[in-house]
Amino acid sequence: MVSNVVITLLRHGRTLDNEATRYSGWIDSKLSEKGISEIKAIAKYYQQEKIFSTEINRIYTSDLQRTTQTAQLLFQEKYPIKQDKQLREMHFGEFEGQTYEELKENPNYQTWLNNLFTYQLPNGESFNQFTNRIDKSINQIKLEILQEELNHVVLVVHGGVIRYLLTKLTNHSHSFFEWEVPFARGFQLMSTQTEFKEENPCMSLRVVPSMENGIL
């Protein structure tokens, strides 16, 4: 049995909707040309510097193309990819595909901005529904890690998913919105096997690529 478990959380690359500052939780937005270029630049760096401390066993993504395409570009299809719809970003309901400027006069939007963690988005999710869905997926991933004795899995997912997992899996003082998660970058969490099984906070957290690597 492996002594440590490593979980790397990486955000998908920049999309067309990101560039237009549109809410795109469940919209299957495409990577932009700039996003693809940024991913390829980082992928070359990963391959040269071997920033990952242990060999990757599996990559998990949502079923949206911005995550799967990012994973394929970053890792050149070297590792098996498993898609999971439960790992999607929060569903913004009626606000999907719209910008702040288009929504700022909408009373439902203003109510949401004032109650981000409690408001049920029209035809979308509440924050609690979103996190319950992510919890279900993470519990299944943890089960697979333990049953198959995986020592390093990578999740190429969405910004909101990563922010929630960092608040859930670490004891860092940052709140949900205090985590900065740049496109095609993220964090690496490491736990001992015992800590992982007992669901204790990870013992090590680092940015990937790190500032020392000259990327961020």
C-alpha atoms as a PDB file:
ATOM      1  CA  MET A   1       0.000   0.000   0.000  1.00  0.00           C
ATOM      2  CA  VAL A   2       1.292   3.482  -0.881  1.00  0.00           C
ATOM      3  CA  SER A   3       2.413   5.703   1.993  1.00  0.00           C
ATOM      4  CA  ASN A   4       1.082   9.008   0.649  1.00  0.00           C
ATOM      5  CA  VAL A   5      -1.871  10.126  -1.428  1.00  0.00           C
ATOM      6  CA  VAL A   6      -1.502  13.115  -3.756  1.00  0.00           C
ATOM      7  CA  ILE A   7      -4.459  14.964  -5.265  1.00  0.00           C
ATOM      8  CA  THR A   8      -3.687  17.673  -7.811  1.00  0.00           C
ATOM      9  CA  LEU A   9      -6.455  20.181  -8.557  1.00  0.00           C
ATOM     10  CA  LEU A  10      -6.105  22.068 -11.849  1.00  0.00           C
ATOM     11  CA  ARG A  11      -8.501  24.556 -13.381  1.00  0.00           C
ATOM     12  CA  HIS A  12      -9.453  24.276 -17.046  1.00  0.00           C
ATOM     13  CA  GLY A  13      -8.002  26.706 -19.568  1.00  0.00           C
ATOM     14  CA  ARG A  14      -9.452  30.059 -20.532  1.00  0.00           C
ATOM     15  CA  THR A  15     -12.654  29.859 -22.589  1.00  0.00           C
ATOM     16  CA  LEU A  16     -14.528  32.126 -24.973  1.00  0.00           C
ATOM     17  CA  ASP A  17     -17.131  32.751 -22.257  1.00  0.00           C
ATOM     18  CA  ASN A  18     -14.403  33.555 -19.734  1.00  0.00           C
ATOM     19  CA  GLU A  19     -13.046  36.185 -22.097  1.00  0.00           C
ATOM     20  CA  ALA A  20     -16.540  37.638 -22.474  1.00  0.00           C
ATOM     21  CA  THR A  21     -17.027  37.464 -18.643  1.00  0.00           C
ATOM     22  CA  ARG A  22     -20.150  35.355 -19.030  1.00  0.00           C
ATOM     23  CA  TYR A  23     -21.490  32.946 -16.408  1.00  0.00           C
ATOM     24  CA  SER A  24     -20.920  29.505 -17.913  1.00  0.00           C
ATOM     25  CA  GLY A  25     -21.489  26.902 -15.243  1.00  0.00           C
ATOM     26  CA  TRP A  26     -23.100  24.175 -17.332  1.00  0.00           C
ATOM     27  CA  ILE A  27     -22.657  25.781 -20.745  1.00  0.00           C
ATOM     28  CA  ASP A  28     -20.208  23.708 -22.782  1.00  0.00           C
ATOM     29  CA  SER A  29     -17.961  26.658 -23.600  1.00  0.00           C
ATOM     30  CA  LYS A  30     -14.963  26.118 -25.878  1.00  0.00           C
ATOM     31  CA  LEU A  31     -11.379  26.963 -25.012  1.00  0.00           C
ATOM     32  CA  SER A  32     -10.243  30.200 -26.625  1.00  0.00           C
ATOM     33  CA  GLU A  33      -7.133  30.496 -28.792  1.00  0.00           C
ATOM     34  CA  LYS A  34      -5.421  32.304 -25.921  1.00  0.00           C
ATOM     35  CA  GLY A  35      -6.501  29.571 -23.524  1.00  0.00           C
ATOM     36  CA  ILE A  36      -5.063  26.835 -25.748  1.00  0.00           C
ATOM     37  CA  SER A  37      -1.814  28.754 -26.122  1.00  0.00           C
ATOM     38  CA  GLU A  38      -1.494  29.176 -22.346  1.00  0.00           C
ATOM     39  CA  ILE A  39      -2.131  25.478 -21.745  1.00  0.00           C
ATOM     40  CA  LYS A  40       0.463  24.394 -24.305  1.00  0.00           C
ATOM     41  CA  ALA A  41       3.068  26.679 -22.745  1.00  0.00           C
ATOM     42  CA  ILE A  42       2.486  25.180 -19.296  1.00  0.00           C
ATOM     43  CA  ALA A  43       2.351  21.624 -20.657  1.00  0.00           C
ATOM     44  CA  LYS A  44       5.859  21.983 -22.091  1.00  0.00           C
ATOM     45  CA  TYR A  45       7.086  23.222 -18.740  1.00  0.00           C
ATOM     46  CA  TYR A  46       5.539  20.289 -16.879  1.00  0.00           C
ATOM     47  CA  GLN A  47       7.197  17.811 -19.211  1.00  0.00           C
ATOM     48  CA  GLN A  48      10.615  19.436 -18.871  1.00  0.00           C
ATOM     49  CA  GLU A  49      10.686  20.094 -15.128  1.00  0.00           C
ATOM     50  CA  LYS A  50       8.668  17.132 -13.850  1.00  0.00           C
ATOM     51  CA  ILE A  51       6.921  19.274 -11.249  1.00  0.00           C
ATOM     52  CA  PHE A  52       4.682  16.440 -10.145  1.00  0.00           C
ATOM     53  CA  SER A  53       6.296  14.609  -7.249  1.00  0.00           C
ATOM     54  CA  THR A  54       4.762  11.216  -8.047  1.00  0.00           C
ATOM     55  CA  GLU A  55       3.589   9.418 -11.172  1.00  0.00           C
ATOM     56  CA  ILE A  56      -0.010  10.159 -12.084  1.00  0.00           C
ATOM     57  CA  ASN A  57      -2.390   7.193 -11.995  1.00  0.00           C
ATOM     58  CA  ARG A  58      -5.594   8.770 -13.295  1.00  0.00           C
ATOM     59  CA  ILE A  59      -7.127  12.075 -14.372  1.00  0.00           C
ATOM     60  CA  TYR A  60     -10.688  13.055 -13.500  1.00  0.00           C
ATOM     61  CA  THR A  61     -12.604  15.773 -15.360  1.00  0.00           C
ATOM     62  CA  SER A  62     -16.159  16.952 -15.650  1.00  0.00           C
ATOM     63  CA  ASP A  63     -17.993  15.985 -18.833  1.00  0.00           C
ATOM     64  CA  LEU A  64     -17.642  19.505 -20.286  1.00  0.00           C
ATOM     65  CA  GLN A  65     -15.150  19.954 -23.119  1.00  0.00           C
ATOM     66  CA  ARG A  66     -13.177  22.758 -21.467  1.00  0.00           C
ATOM     67  CA  THR A  67     -11.958  20.339 -18.791  1.00  0.00           C
ATOM     68  CA  THR A  68     -11.394  17.272 -20.948  1.00  0.00           C
ATOM     69  CA  GLN A  69      -9.628  19.267 -23.662  1.00  0.00           C
ATOM     70  CA  THR A  70      -7.422  20.964 -21.058  1.00  0.00           C
ATOM     71  CA  ALA A  71      -6.460  17.567 -19.624  1.00  0.00           C
ATOM     72  CA  GLN A  72      -5.650  16.204 -23.074  1.00  0.00           C
ATOM     73  CA  LEU A  73      -3.510  19.234 -23.951  1.00  0.00           C
ATOM     74  CA  LEU A  74      -1.678  19.283 -20.615  1.00  0.00           C
ATOM     75  CA  PHE A  75      -0.858  15.604 -20.428  1.00  0.00           C
ATOM     76  CA  GLN A  76      -0.807  14.536 -24.082  1.00  0.00           C
ATOM     77  CA  GLU A  77      -3.216  11.655 -23.363  1.00  0.00           C
ATOM     78  CA  LYS A  78      -0.520   9.820 -21.344  1.00  0.00           C
ATOM     79  CA  TYR A  79      -2.909   8.945 -18.529  1.00  0.00           C
ATOM     80  CA  PRO A  80      -6.446   7.535 -18.413  1.00  0.00           C
ATOM     81  CA  ILE A  81      -9.163  10.199 -18.153  1.00  0.00           C
ATOM     82  CA  LYS A  82     -12.429   9.542 -16.348  1.00  0.00           C
ATOM     83  CA  GLN A  83     -15.297  11.987 -16.901  1.00  0.00           C
ATOM     84  CA  ASP A  84     -17.800  12.707 -14.158  1.00  0.00           C
ATOM     85  CA  LYS A  85     -20.806  14.977 -14.695  1.00  0.00           C
ATOM     86  CA  GLN A  86     -20.967  15.533 -10.924  1.00  0.00           C
ATOM     87  CA  LEU A  87     -17.730  17.546 -11.173  1.00  0.00           C
ATOM     88  CA  ARG A  88     -19.350  20.316 -13.196  1.00  0.00           C
ATOM     89  CA  GLU A  89     -19.228  23.937 -12.092  1.00  0.00           C
ATOM     90  CA  MET A  90     -22.240  25.360 -10.253  1.00  0.00           C
ATOM     91  CA  HIS A  91     -25.375  25.584 -12.414  1.00  0.00           C
ATOM     92  CA  PHE A  92     -26.212  29.290 -12.726  1.00  0.00           C
ATOM     93  CA  GLY A  93     -29.701  28.623 -14.085  1.00  0.00           C
ATOM     94  CA  GLU A  94     -31.287  31.644 -15.800  1.00  0.00           C
ATOM     95  CA  PHE A  95     -28.022  33.552 -15.455  1.00  0.00           C
ATOM     96  CA  GLU A  96     -26.099  31.138 -17.677  1.00  0.00           C
ATOM     97  CA  GLY A  97     -24.477  32.818 -20.673  1.00  0.00           C
ATOM     98  CA  GLN A  98     -25.056  36.343 -19.357  1.00  0.00           C
ATOM     99  CA  THR A  99     -22.692  39.006 -18.072  1.00  0.00           C
ATOM    100  CA  TYR A 100     -22.852  41.250 -15.018  1.00  0.00           C
ATOM    101  CA  GLU A 101     -23.825  44.196 -17.217  1.00  0.00           C
ATOM    102  CA  GLU A 102     -26.726  42.217 -18.659  1.00  0.00           C
ATOM    103  CA  LEU A 103     -27.884  41.066 -15.214  1.00  0.00           C
ATOM    104  CA  LYS A 104     -27.197  43.987 -12.887  1.00  0.00           C
ATOM    105  CA  GLU A 105     -30.771  45.318 -13.006  1.00  0.00           C
ATOM    106  CA  ASN A 106     -32.314  41.863 -12.514  1.00  0.00           C
ATOM    107  CA  PRO A 107     -33.818  41.663  -8.983  1.00  0.00           C
ATOM    108  CA  ASN A 108     -33.170  37.906  -8.768  1.00  0.00           C
ATOM    109  CA  TYR A 109     -29.533  38.514  -9.595  1.00  0.00           C
ATOM    110  CA  GLN A 110     -29.232  41.182  -6.916  1.00  0.00           C
ATOM    111  CA  THR A 111     -30.836  38.830  -4.393  1.00  0.00           C
ATOM    112  CA  TRP A 112     -28.302  36.153  -5.289  1.00  0.00           C
ATOM    113  CA  LEU A 113     -25.350  38.541  -4.935  1.00  0.00           C
ATOM    114  CA  ASN A 114     -26.547  39.388  -1.433  1.00  0.00           C
ATOM    115  CA  ASN A 115     -27.157  35.727  -0.488  1.00  0.00           C
ATOM    116  CA  LEU A 116     -24.549  33.734  -2.409  1.00  0.00           C
ATOM    117  CA  PHE A 117     -24.485  30.741  -0.064  1.00  0.00           C
ATOM    118  CA  THR A 118     -28.221  30.392   0.547  1.00  0.00           C
ATOM    119  CA  TYR A 119     -30.153  31.572  -2.515  1.00  0.00           C
ATOM    120  CA  GLN A 120     -31.698  29.034  -4.892  1.00  0.00           C
ATOM    121  CA  LEU A 121     -30.777  30.217  -8.386  1.00  0.00           C
ATOM    122  CA  PRO A 122     -33.806  30.342 -10.743  1.00  0.00           C
ATOM    123  CA  ASN A 123     -33.718  27.049 -12.675  1.00  0.00           C
ATOM    124  CA  GLY A 124     -30.246  26.440 -11.253  1.00  0.00           C
ATOM    125  CA  GLU A 125     -28.581  25.292  -8.051  1.00  0.00           C
ATOM    126  CA  SER A 126     -28.129  26.583  -4.545  1.00  0.00           C
ATOM    127  CA  PHE A 127     -24.612  26.526  -3.113  1.00  0.00           C
ATOM    128  CA  ASN A 128     -25.644  23.623  -0.880  1.00  0.00           C
ATOM    129  CA  GLN A 129     -26.888  21.597  -3.852  1.00  0.00           C
ATOM    130  CA  PHE A 130     -23.632  22.332  -5.669  1.00  0.00           C
ATOM    131  CA  THR A 131     -21.418  21.223  -2.763  1.00  0.00           C
ATOM    132  CA  ASN A 132     -23.503  18.105  -2.086  1.00  0.00           C
ATOM    133  CA  ARG A 133     -22.977  17.088  -5.702  1.00  0.00           C
ATOM    134  CA  ILE A 134     -19.214  17.642  -5.452  1.00  0.00           C
ATOM    135  CA  ASP A 135     -19.096  15.718  -2.158  1.00  0.00           C
ATOM    136  CA  LYS A 136     -20.752  12.735  -3.838  1.00  0.00           C
ATOM    137  CA  SER A 137     -18.144  12.727  -6.588  1.00  0.00           C
ATOM    138  CA  ILE A 138     -15.187  13.175  -4.225  1.00  0.00           C
ATOM    139  CA  ASN A 139     -16.393  10.357  -1.992  1.00  0.00           C
ATOM    140  CA  GLN A 140     -16.445   8.058  -5.024  1.00  0.00           C
ATOM    141  CA  ILE A 141     -12.957   9.177  -6.070  1.00  0.00           C
ATOM    142  CA  LYS A 142     -11.658   8.549  -2.546  1.00  0.00           C
ATOM    143  CA  LEU A 143     -13.148   5.069  -2.650  1.00  0.00           C
ATOM    144  CA  GLU A 144     -11.400   4.345  -5.952  1.00  0.00           C
ATOM    145  CA  ILE A 145      -8.091   5.675  -4.584  1.00  0.00           C
ATOM    146  CA  LEU A 146      -8.277   3.329  -1.591  1.00  0.00           C
ATOM    147  CA  GLN A 147      -9.617   0.273  -3.405  1.00  0.00           C
ATOM    148  CA  GLU A 148      -7.197   0.522  -6.337  1.00  0.00           C
ATOM    149  CA  GLU A 149      -4.273   1.821  -4.243  1.00  0.00           C
ATOM    150  CA  LEU A 150      -3.785   4.919  -6.381  1.00  0.00           C
ATOM    151  CA  ASN A 151      -1.171   7.339  -5.119  1.00  0.00           C
ATOM    152  CA  HIS A 152      -1.709  10.333  -7.401  1.00  0.00           C
ATOM    153  CA  VAL A 153      -4.865  11.520  -9.134  1.00  0.00           C
ATOM    154  CA  VAL A 154      -5.375  14.790 -10.987  1.00  0.00           C
ATOM    155  CA  LEU A 155      -8.709  16.608 -11.133  1.00  0.00           C
ATOM    156  CA  VAL A 156      -8.964  19.015 -14.077  1.00  0.00           C
ATOM    157  CA  VAL A 157     -12.113  20.828 -13.139  1.00  0.00           C
ATOM    158  CA  HIS A 158     -13.669  24.266 -12.593  1.00  0.00           C
ATOM    159  CA  GLY A 159     -12.769  27.247 -10.441  1.00  0.00           C
ATOM    160  CA  GLY A 160     -15.715  26.914  -8.073  1.00  0.00           C
ATOM    161  CA  VAL A 161     -15.118  23.186  -7.642  1.00  0.00           C
ATOM    162  CA  ILE A 162     -11.469  23.788  -6.709  1.00  0.00           C
ATOM    163  CA  ARG A 163     -12.332  26.581  -4.268  1.00  0.00           C
ATOM    164  CA  TYR A 164     -14.816  24.345  -2.493  1.00  0.00           C
ATOM    165  CA  LEU A 165     -12.420  21.385  -2.330  1.00  0.00           C
ATOM    166  CA  LEU A 166      -9.682  23.579  -0.872  1.00  0.00           C
ATOM    167  CA  THR A 167     -12.018  24.681   1.923  1.00  0.00           C
ATOM    168  CA  LYS A 168     -13.113  21.066   2.463  1.00  0.00           C
ATOM    169  CA  LEU A 169      -9.826  19.172   2.229  1.00  0.00           C
ATOM    170  CA  THR A 170      -7.414  21.611   3.901  1.00  0.00           C
ATOM    171  CA  ASN A 171      -7.319  23.490   7.188  1.00  0.00           C
ATOM    172  CA  HIS A 172      -6.209  26.704   5.513  1.00  0.00           C
ATOM    173  CA  SER A 173      -7.850  29.883   6.788  1.00  0.00           C
ATOM    174  CA  HIS A 174      -8.901  31.098   3.337  1.00  0.00           C
ATOM    175  CA  SER A 175     -12.631  31.283   2.723  1.00  0.00           C
ATOM    176  CA  PHE A 176     -14.244  30.148  -0.546  1.00  0.00           C
ATOM    177  CA  PHE A 177     -13.772  33.431  -2.420  1.00  0.00           C
ATOM    178  CA  GLU A 178     -10.295  34.114  -1.037  1.00  0.00           C
ATOM    179  CA  TRP A 179      -8.759  31.292  -3.081  1.00  0.00           C
ATOM    180  CA  GLU A 180      -7.250  32.535  -6.330  1.00  0.00           C
ATOM    181  CA  VAL A 181      -7.373  29.822  -8.992  1.00  0.00           C
ATOM    182  CA  PRO A 182      -5.773  30.900 -12.298  1.00  0.00           C
ATOM    183  CA  PHE A 183      -6.627  29.170 -15.567  1.00  0.00           C
ATOM    184  CA  ALA A 184      -4.713  25.920 -16.244  1.00  0.00           C
ATOM    185  CA  ARG A 185      -3.016  26.103 -12.850  1.00  0.00           C
ATOM    186  CA  GLY A 186      -3.909  24.907  -9.391  1.00  0.00           C
ATOM    187  CA  PHE A 187      -2.851  23.183  -6.213  1.00  0.00           C
ATOM    188  CA  GLN A 188      -1.336  19.910  -5.076  1.00  0.00           C
ATOM    189  CA  LEU A 189      -2.520  18.289  -1.835  1.00  0.00           C
ATOM    190  CA  MET A 190      -0.650  15.489  -0.105  1.00  0.00           C
ATOM    191  CA  SER A 191      -1.767  13.312   2.821  1.00  0.00           C
ATOM    192  CA  THR A 192      -0.463  10.225   4.484  1.00  0.00           C
ATOM    193  CA  GLN A 193      -2.483   7.097   3.858  1.00  0.00           C
ATOM    194  CA  THR A 194      -3.799   7.220   7.428  1.00  0.00           C
ATOM    195  CA  GLU A 195      -4.803  10.870   7.225  1.00  0.00           C
ATOM    196  CA  PHE A 196      -6.529  10.238   3.925  1.00  0.00           C
ATOM    197  CA  LYS A 197      -8.502   7.243   5.230  1.00  0.00           C
ATOM    198  CA  GLU A 198      -9.531   9.158   8.346  1.00  0.00           C
ATOM    199  CA  GLU A 199     -10.503  12.188   6.226  1.00  0.00           C
ATOM    200  CA  ASN A 200      -8.186  14.522   8.091  1.00  0.00           C
ATOM    201  CA  PRO A 201      -7.063  17.752   6.377  1.00  0.00           C
ATOM    202  CA  CYS A 202      -4.143  17.273   3.996  1.00  0.00           C
ATOM    203  CA  MET A 203      -0.708  17.701   5.570  1.00  0.00           C
ATOM    204  CA  SER A 204       0.827  19.525   2.589  1.00  0.00           C
ATOM    205  CA  LEU A 205      -0.537  22.118   0.163  1.00  0.00           C
ATOM    206  CA  ARG A 206       1.416  23.759  -2.628  1.00  0.00           C
ATOM    207  CA  VAL A 207       0.727  25.777  -5.742  1.00  0.00           C
ATOM    208  CA  VAL A 208       1.445  24.165  -9.124  1.00  0.00           C
ATOM    209  CA  PRO A 209       3.383  25.479 -10.918  1.00  0.00           C
ATOM    210  CA  SER A 210       5.009  27.211  -7.931  1.00  0.00           C
ATOM    211  CA  MET A 211       6.418  30.742  -7.906  1.00  0.00           C
ATOM    212  CA  GLU A 212       9.873  29.200  -7.605  1.00  0.00           C
ATOM    213  CA  ASN A 213       9.312  27.587 -10.993  1.00  0.00           C
ATOM    214  CA  GLY A 214       9.038  31.047 -12.552  1.00  0.00           C
ATOM    215  CA  ILE A 215       5.572  30.439 -13.988  1.00  0.00           C
ATOM    216  CA  LEU A 216       3.226  32.302 -11.632  1.00  0.00           C
END
